């Protein structure tokens, strides 16, 4: 495997990881921010208040975007397996 080929595979892996994980992370960030603003406004200092809304939001995200995420991972895995002979040279 050449250095250029390795970099292509590594960049594609990072891209797929960012695309698949990005929506859940962004939703978690937004829910956490909204809960933090709510806590600041109401002066409720409860550290565990953010867990349940974040879990629910991420579960909804995975339910809605799960098939797309799975297809992205399957496509990446299939491309790796199909080009395995090229990588082994």
C-alpha atoms as a PDB file:
ATOM      1  CA  UNK A   1       0.000   0.000   0.000  1.00  0.00           C
ATOM      2  CA  UNK A   2       1.436   3.306  -1.017  1.00  0.00           C
ATOM      3  CA  UNK A   3       1.459   6.343   1.171  1.00  0.00           C
ATOM      4  CA  UNK A   4      -1.006   8.153  -1.089  1.00  0.00           C
ATOM      5  CA  UNK A   5      -3.412   5.206  -1.042  1.00  0.00           C
ATOM      6  CA  UNK A   6      -3.197   5.012   2.741  1.00  0.00           C
ATOM      7  CA  UNK A   7      -3.980   8.717   3.023  1.00  0.00           C
ATOM      8  CA  UNK A   8      -6.994   8.322   0.723  1.00  0.00           C
ATOM      9  CA  UNK A   9      -8.372   5.476   2.827  1.00  0.00           C
ATOM     10  CA  UNK A  10      -7.700   7.325   6.094  1.00  0.00           C
ATOM     11  CA  UNK A  11      -9.313  10.550   4.853  1.00  0.00           C
ATOM     12  CA  UNK A  12     -12.348   8.635   3.608  1.00  0.00           C
ATOM     13  CA  UNK A  13     -12.641   6.899   7.008  1.00  0.00           C
ATOM     14  CA  UNK A  14     -12.486  10.234   8.840  1.00  0.00           C
ATOM     15  CA  UNK A  15     -15.033  11.726   6.446  1.00  0.00           C
ATOM     16  CA  UNK A  16     -17.468   8.834   6.952  1.00  0.00           C
ATOM     17  CA  UNK A  17     -16.993   8.987  10.737  1.00  0.00           C
ATOM     18  CA  UNK A  18     -17.700  12.728  10.753  1.00  0.00           C
ATOM     19  CA  UNK A  19     -20.739  12.395   8.504  1.00  0.00           C
ATOM     20  CA  UNK A  20     -22.206   9.498  10.506  1.00  0.00           C
ATOM     21  CA  UNK A  21     -21.443  10.865  13.971  1.00  0.00           C
ATOM     22  CA  UNK A  22     -21.958  14.536  13.227  1.00  0.00           C
ATOM     23  CA  UNK A  23     -25.756  14.777  13.384  1.00  0.00           C
ATOM     24  CA  UNK A  24     -25.997  13.083  16.792  1.00  0.00           C
ATOM     25  CA  UNK A  25     -23.198  15.246  18.189  1.00  0.00           C
ATOM     26  CA  UNK A  26     -24.748  18.460  16.875  1.00  0.00           C
ATOM     27  CA  UNK A  27     -28.170  17.560  18.259  1.00  0.00           C
ATOM     28  CA  UNK A  28     -26.624  16.698  21.614  1.00  0.00           C
ATOM     29  CA  UNK A  29     -24.778  20.014  21.629  1.00  0.00           C
ATOM     30  CA  UNK A  30     -27.913  21.999  20.801  1.00  0.00           C
ATOM     31  CA  UNK A  31     -30.031  20.228  23.425  1.00  0.00           C
ATOM     32  CA  UNK A  32     -27.305  20.755  26.017  1.00  0.00           C
ATOM     33  CA  UNK A  33     -27.096  24.431  25.129  1.00  0.00           C
ATOM     34  CA  UNK A  34     -30.861  24.883  25.404  1.00  0.00           C
ATOM     35  CA  UNK A  35     -30.945  23.108  28.769  1.00  0.00           C
ATOM     36  CA  UNK A  36     -27.993  25.189  30.008  1.00  0.00           C
ATOM     37  CA  UNK A  37     -29.751  28.415  29.026  1.00  0.00           C
ATOM     38  CA  UNK A  38     -32.894  27.173  30.782  1.00  0.00           C
ATOM     39  CA  UNK A  39     -30.859  26.379  33.903  1.00  0.00           C
ATOM     40  CA  UNK A  40     -29.226  29.802  33.852  1.00  0.00           C
ATOM     41  CA  UNK A  41     -32.553  31.588  33.482  1.00  0.00           C
ATOM     42  CA  UNK A  42     -34.314  29.610  36.209  1.00  0.00           C
ATOM     43  CA  UNK A  43     -31.203  29.292  38.404  1.00  0.00           C
ATOM     44  CA  UNK A  44     -31.652  25.544  38.663  1.00  0.00           C
ATOM     45  CA  UNK A  45     -28.210  24.033  39.259  1.00  0.00           C
ATOM     46  CA  UNK A  46     -28.874  20.370  38.647  1.00  0.00           C
ATOM     47  CA  UNK A  47     -26.115  18.560  36.772  1.00  0.00           C
ATOM     48  CA  UNK A  48     -28.270  15.560  35.868  1.00  0.00           C
ATOM     49  CA  UNK A  49     -31.012  17.634  34.223  1.00  0.00           C
ATOM     50  CA  UNK A  50     -29.396  17.455  30.780  1.00  0.00           C
ATOM     51  CA  UNK A  51     -29.060  13.670  30.571  1.00  0.00           C
ATOM     52  CA  UNK A  52     -32.648  12.626  29.827  1.00  0.00           C
ATOM     53  CA  UNK A  53     -33.360  15.289  27.153  1.00  0.00           C
ATOM     54  CA  UNK A  54     -30.035  14.498  25.449  1.00  0.00           C
ATOM     55  CA  UNK A  55     -30.725  10.762  25.480  1.00  0.00           C
ATOM     56  CA  UNK A  56     -34.211  11.272  24.060  1.00  0.00           C
ATOM     57  CA  UNK A  57     -32.925  13.663  21.365  1.00  0.00           C
ATOM     58  CA  UNK A  58     -30.139  11.295  20.323  1.00  0.00           C
ATOM     59  CA  UNK A  59     -32.539   8.333  20.256  1.00  0.00           C
ATOM     60  CA  UNK A  60     -34.890  10.288  17.981  1.00  0.00           C
ATOM     61  CA  UNK A  61     -31.935  11.251  15.805  1.00  0.00           C
ATOM     62  CA  UNK A  62     -30.845   7.623  15.516  1.00  0.00           C
ATOM     63  CA  UNK A  63     -34.386   6.500  14.730  1.00  0.00           C
ATOM     64  CA  UNK A  64     -34.761   9.090  11.978  1.00  0.00           C
ATOM     65  CA  UNK A  65     -31.216   9.016  10.558  1.00  0.00           C
ATOM     66  CA  UNK A  66     -30.242   5.444  11.470  1.00  0.00           C
ATOM     67  CA  UNK A  67     -30.968   3.905   8.054  1.00  0.00           C
ATOM     68  CA  UNK A  68     -28.954   6.613   6.294  1.00  0.00           C
ATOM     69  CA  UNK A  69     -26.076   6.197   8.762  1.00  0.00           C
ATOM     70  CA  UNK A  70     -26.129   2.434   8.301  1.00  0.00           C
ATOM     71  CA  UNK A  71     -26.121   2.760   4.512  1.00  0.00           C
ATOM     72  CA  UNK A  72     -23.140   5.130   4.697  1.00  0.00           C
ATOM     73  CA  UNK A  73     -21.215   2.645   6.830  1.00  0.00           C
ATOM     74  CA  UNK A  74     -22.182  -0.263   4.569  1.00  0.00           C
ATOM     75  CA  UNK A  75     -21.058   1.637   1.467  1.00  0.00           C
ATOM     76  CA  UNK A  76     -17.722   2.470   3.081  1.00  0.00           C
ATOM     77  CA  UNK A  77     -17.186  -1.107   4.253  1.00  0.00           C
ATOM     78  CA  UNK A  78     -18.126  -2.487   0.834  1.00  0.00           C
ATOM     79  CA  UNK A  79     -15.681  -0.133  -0.885  1.00  0.00           C
ATOM     80  CA  UNK A  80     -12.909  -1.232   1.491  1.00  0.00           C
ATOM     81  CA  UNK A  81     -13.644  -4.920   0.907  1.00  0.00           C
ATOM     82  CA  UNK A  82     -13.953  -4.526  -2.871  1.00  0.00           C
ATOM     83  CA  UNK A  83     -10.602  -2.736  -3.066  1.00  0.00           C
ATOM     84  CA  UNK A  84      -8.829  -5.066  -0.662  1.00  0.00           C
ATOM     85  CA  UNK A  85      -6.663  -6.562  -3.412  1.00  0.00           C
ATOM     86  CA  UNK A  86      -5.577  -3.073  -4.436  1.00  0.00           C
ATOM     87  CA  UNK A  87      -4.622  -2.232  -0.854  1.00  0.00           C
ATOM     88  CA  UNK A  88      -2.630  -5.457  -0.359  1.00  0.00           C
ATOM     89  CA  UNK A  89      -0.234  -4.750  -3.217  1.00  0.00           C
END
